[in-house]
Amino acid sequence: MSRKFITYFDKEGNDYTDELILAVKDRLELSDQIKHIVIASASGKSALKLADAVGDQVKIINVTHHCGFSGPNESDISDEMIK
């Protein structure tokens, strides 16, 4: 049986990305059954940093705001970042 845990952060933001990556890596060490990780990142930068940290061990799915969240017809994540 693997140990499961939840990590809560006081608020959102880039300040917690490194702590998030450590928590994900700790969890991945406990289970070889994890194939996907979902991360919320408006710009996609945290998702890329996580991908660099864990390699091709898992597939990372980035969830951002919907188009129009920050302004009419605006997307917080660039087409370049999506690629």
N, C-alpha and C. Protein backbone atom coordinates (compact mmCIF):
# COMPACT_ATOMS: atom_id res chain seq x y z
N MET A 1 0.85 -1.18 0.00
CA MET A 1 0.00 0.00 0.00
C MET A 1 0.90 1.24 0.00
N SER A 2 0.55 2.23 -0.82
CA SER A 2 1.35 3.44 -0.87
C SER A 2 0.75 4.51 0.04
N ARG A 3 1.58 5.38 0.48
CA ARG A 3 1.17 6.48 1.34
C ARG A 3 0.66 7.62 0.46
N LYS A 4 -0.46 8.20 0.81
CA LYS A 4 -1.02 9.32 0.07
C LYS A 4 -1.05 10.53 0.98
N PHE A 5 -0.85 11.70 0.39
CA PHE A 5 -0.89 12.92 1.17
C PHE A 5 -1.33 14.08 0.29
N ILE A 6 -1.76 15.13 0.92
CA ILE A 6 -2.18 16.35 0.23
C ILE A 6 -1.32 17.49 0.75
N THR A 7 -0.86 18.32 -0.15
CA THR A 7 -0.10 19.51 0.23
C THR A 7 -0.92 20.73 -0.14
N TYR A 8 -1.16 21.61 0.81
CA TYR A 8 -1.89 22.85 0.58
C TYR A 8 -0.91 24.01 0.62
N PHE A 9 -1.13 24.99 -0.23
CA PHE A 9 -0.32 26.20 -0.23
C PHE A 9 -1.20 27.37 0.19
N ASP A 10 -0.60 28.36 0.83
CA ASP A 10 -1.36 29.50 1.34
C ASP A 10 -2.03 30.31 0.24
N LYS A 11 -1.38 30.39 -0.91
CA LYS A 11 -1.96 31.12 -2.04
C LYS A 11 -1.33 30.60 -3.32
N GLU A 12 -1.85 31.07 -4.45
CA GLU A 12 -1.32 30.64 -5.74
C GLU A 12 -0.09 31.48 -6.11
N GLY A 13 0.64 31.00 -7.09
CA GLY A 13 1.75 31.81 -7.59
C GLY A 13 3.02 31.02 -7.80
N ASN A 14 3.93 31.65 -8.51
CA ASN A 14 5.21 31.03 -8.83
C ASN A 14 6.07 30.73 -7.61
N ASP A 15 5.79 31.40 -6.49
CA ASP A 15 6.59 31.19 -5.28
C ASP A 15 6.52 29.75 -4.79
N TYR A 16 5.50 29.01 -5.20
CA TYR A 16 5.30 27.66 -4.69
C TYR A 16 5.67 26.57 -5.69
N THR A 17 6.14 26.96 -6.85
CA THR A 17 6.43 25.97 -7.89
C THR A 17 7.47 24.96 -7.44
N ASP A 18 8.54 25.42 -6.83
CA ASP A 18 9.59 24.49 -6.39
C ASP A 18 9.07 23.51 -5.33
N GLU A 19 8.25 24.00 -4.40
CA GLU A 19 7.66 23.13 -3.39
C GLU A 19 6.71 22.12 -4.03
N LEU A 20 5.96 22.57 -5.02
CA LEU A 20 5.06 21.66 -5.74
C LEU A 20 5.86 20.56 -6.43
N ILE A 21 6.95 20.93 -7.08
CA ILE A 21 7.78 19.94 -7.77
C ILE A 21 8.34 18.92 -6.79
N LEU A 22 8.77 19.36 -5.63
CA LEU A 22 9.27 18.42 -4.62
C LEU A 22 8.17 17.46 -4.17
N ALA A 23 6.96 17.98 -3.97
CA ALA A 23 5.84 17.13 -3.55
C ALA A 23 5.51 16.10 -4.63
N VAL A 24 5.52 16.53 -5.89
CA VAL A 24 5.23 15.61 -6.99
C VAL A 24 6.30 14.53 -7.09
N LYS A 25 7.56 14.94 -6.99
CA LYS A 25 8.65 13.96 -7.07
C LYS A 25 8.58 12.96 -5.93
N ASP A 26 8.25 13.44 -4.73
CA ASP A 26 8.09 12.53 -3.58
C ASP A 26 6.99 11.51 -3.86
N ARG A 27 5.88 11.99 -4.41
CA ARG A 27 4.76 11.09 -4.70
C ARG A 27 5.11 10.09 -5.79
N LEU A 28 5.83 10.53 -6.81
CA LEU A 28 6.24 9.64 -7.89
C LEU A 28 7.16 8.53 -7.39
N GLU A 29 7.98 8.85 -6.38
CA GLU A 29 8.87 7.84 -5.80
C GLU A 29 8.09 6.74 -5.09
N LEU A 30 6.89 7.06 -4.63
CA LEU A 30 6.08 6.10 -3.88
C LEU A 30 5.23 5.20 -4.77
N SER A 31 5.10 5.57 -6.04
CA SER A 31 4.23 4.79 -6.92
C SER A 31 4.74 4.80 -8.35
N ASP A 32 4.74 3.64 -8.97
CA ASP A 32 5.09 3.57 -10.38
C ASP A 32 3.82 3.50 -11.23
N GLN A 33 2.67 3.73 -10.61
CA GLN A 33 1.38 3.64 -11.30
C GLN A 33 0.90 5.00 -11.83
N ILE A 34 1.55 6.07 -11.44
CA ILE A 34 1.11 7.40 -11.88
C ILE A 34 1.61 7.64 -13.29
N LYS A 35 0.67 7.92 -14.19
CA LYS A 35 1.00 8.13 -15.60
C LYS A 35 0.74 9.55 -16.07
N HIS A 36 -0.12 10.28 -15.34
CA HIS A 36 -0.50 11.65 -15.71
C HIS A 36 -0.48 12.55 -14.48
N ILE A 37 -0.06 13.79 -14.67
CA ILE A 37 -0.12 14.80 -13.62
C ILE A 37 -0.85 16.00 -14.21
N VAL A 38 -1.85 16.51 -13.50
CA VAL A 38 -2.57 17.71 -13.91
C VAL A 38 -2.06 18.86 -13.05
N ILE A 39 -1.67 19.94 -13.71
CA ILE A 39 -1.16 21.12 -13.01
C ILE A 39 -1.90 22.35 -13.51
N ALA A 40 -2.21 23.26 -12.60
CA ALA A 40 -2.83 24.53 -12.98
C ALA A 40 -1.73 25.57 -13.11
N SER A 41 -1.61 26.12 -14.30
CA SER A 41 -0.59 27.14 -14.56
C SER A 41 -1.12 28.06 -15.65
N ALA A 42 -1.40 29.31 -15.29
CA ALA A 42 -1.98 30.25 -16.26
C ALA A 42 -1.06 30.48 -17.45
N SER A 43 0.24 30.59 -17.19
CA SER A 43 1.18 30.88 -18.28
C SER A 43 1.78 29.61 -18.88
N GLY A 44 1.77 28.51 -18.13
CA GLY A 44 2.39 27.27 -18.58
C GLY A 44 3.82 27.11 -18.10
N LYS A 45 4.39 28.14 -17.50
CA LYS A 45 5.79 28.09 -17.05
C LYS A 45 6.01 27.03 -15.96
N SER A 46 5.08 26.93 -15.04
CA SER A 46 5.22 25.93 -13.97
C SER A 46 5.13 24.52 -14.53
N ALA A 47 4.28 24.32 -15.52
CA ALA A 47 4.16 23.01 -16.14
C ALA A 47 5.46 22.62 -16.84
N LEU A 48 6.08 23.57 -17.53
CA LEU A 48 7.36 23.29 -18.19
C LEU A 48 8.45 22.98 -17.17
N LYS A 49 8.45 23.72 -16.08
CA LYS A 49 9.45 23.48 -15.03
C LYS A 49 9.25 22.10 -14.41
N LEU A 50 8.00 21.71 -14.21
CA LEU A 50 7.70 20.38 -13.69
C LEU A 50 8.14 19.31 -14.68
N ALA A 51 7.87 19.53 -15.95
CA ALA A 51 8.27 18.56 -16.98
C ALA A 51 9.78 18.38 -16.99
N ASP A 52 10.51 19.47 -16.84
CA ASP A 52 11.98 19.38 -16.78
C ASP A 52 12.43 18.57 -15.56
N ALA A 53 11.71 18.70 -14.46
CA ALA A 53 12.09 18.04 -13.21
C ALA A 53 11.79 16.54 -13.22
N VAL A 54 10.71 16.13 -13.88
CA VAL A 54 10.32 14.72 -13.84
C VAL A 54 10.62 13.97 -15.13
N GLY A 55 11.02 14.68 -16.16
CA GLY A 55 11.37 14.04 -17.42
C GLY A 55 10.16 13.42 -18.09
N ASP A 56 10.39 12.37 -18.84
CA ASP A 56 9.30 11.73 -19.58
C ASP A 56 8.65 10.59 -18.79
N GLN A 57 8.84 10.62 -17.49
CA GLN A 57 8.29 9.61 -16.58
C GLN A 57 6.75 9.62 -16.59
N VAL A 58 6.16 10.79 -16.77
CA VAL A 58 4.70 10.95 -16.76
C VAL A 58 4.30 11.97 -17.83
N LYS A 59 3.02 11.97 -18.18
CA LYS A 59 2.48 12.99 -19.08
C LYS A 59 1.92 14.10 -18.22
N ILE A 60 2.28 15.34 -18.53
CA ILE A 60 1.80 16.49 -17.76
C ILE A 60 0.71 17.20 -18.55
N ILE A 61 -0.40 17.44 -17.88
CA ILE A 61 -1.54 18.14 -18.47
C ILE A 61 -1.66 19.48 -17.76
N ASN A 62 -1.50 20.56 -18.53
CA ASN A 62 -1.58 21.91 -17.96
C ASN A 62 -2.98 22.47 -18.16
N VAL A 63 -3.57 22.99 -17.09
CA VAL A 63 -4.88 23.62 -17.14
C VAL A 63 -4.67 25.11 -16.88
N THR A 64 -5.18 25.93 -17.77
CA THR A 64 -5.06 27.38 -17.62
C THR A 64 -6.46 28.00 -17.60
N HIS A 65 -6.51 29.31 -17.55
CA HIS A 65 -7.80 30.01 -17.61
C HIS A 65 -8.44 29.82 -18.98
N HIS A 66 -9.72 30.01 -19.04
CA HIS A 66 -10.40 29.98 -20.33
C HIS A 66 -10.07 31.26 -21.10
N CYS A 67 -10.13 31.17 -22.40
CA CYS A 67 -9.89 32.34 -23.23
C CYS A 67 -10.93 33.40 -22.87
N GLY A 68 -10.47 34.61 -22.63
CA GLY A 68 -11.36 35.69 -22.24
C GLY A 68 -11.36 35.96 -20.75
N PHE A 69 -10.67 35.16 -19.97
CA PHE A 69 -10.62 35.35 -18.51
C PHE A 69 -9.99 36.69 -18.15
N SER A 70 -8.86 37.01 -18.77
CA SER A 70 -8.14 38.24 -18.45
C SER A 70 -8.62 39.44 -19.26
N GLY A 71 -9.33 39.19 -20.33
CA GLY A 71 -9.84 40.25 -21.17
C GLY A 71 -10.49 39.65 -22.40
N PRO A 72 -11.31 40.41 -23.08
CA PRO A 72 -12.01 39.90 -24.26
C PRO A 72 -11.04 39.29 -25.28
N ASN A 73 -11.30 38.06 -25.64
CA ASN A 73 -10.51 37.34 -26.65
C ASN A 73 -9.03 37.20 -26.30
N GLU A 74 -8.68 37.34 -25.04
CA GLU A 74 -7.29 37.18 -24.59
C GLU A 74 -7.10 35.79 -24.00
N SER A 75 -5.92 35.24 -24.26
CA SER A 75 -5.54 33.97 -23.66
C SER A 75 -4.31 34.22 -22.79
N ASP A 76 -4.32 33.68 -21.58
CA ASP A 76 -3.19 33.87 -20.68
C ASP A 76 -1.99 33.04 -21.08
N ILE A 77 -2.22 32.01 -21.86
CA ILE A 77 -1.13 31.14 -22.28
C ILE A 77 -0.90 31.35 -23.78
N SER A 78 0.33 31.53 -24.16
CA SER A 78 0.63 31.83 -25.56
C SER A 78 0.57 30.57 -26.42
N ASP A 79 0.37 30.76 -27.70
CA ASP A 79 0.39 29.64 -28.64
C ASP A 79 1.75 28.96 -28.61
N GLU A 80 2.81 29.73 -28.46
CA GLU A 80 4.16 29.19 -28.39
C GLU A 80 4.31 28.26 -27.17
N MET A 81 3.76 28.69 -26.03
CA MET A 81 3.84 27.87 -24.82
C MET A 81 3.04 26.58 -24.99
N ILE A 82 1.90 26.66 -25.64
CA ILE A 82 1.08 25.47 -25.85
C ILE A 82 1.86 24.44 -26.66
N LYS A 83 2.57 24.89 -27.69
CA LYS A 83 3.38 23.98 -28.51
C LYS A 83 4.47 23.36 -27.68
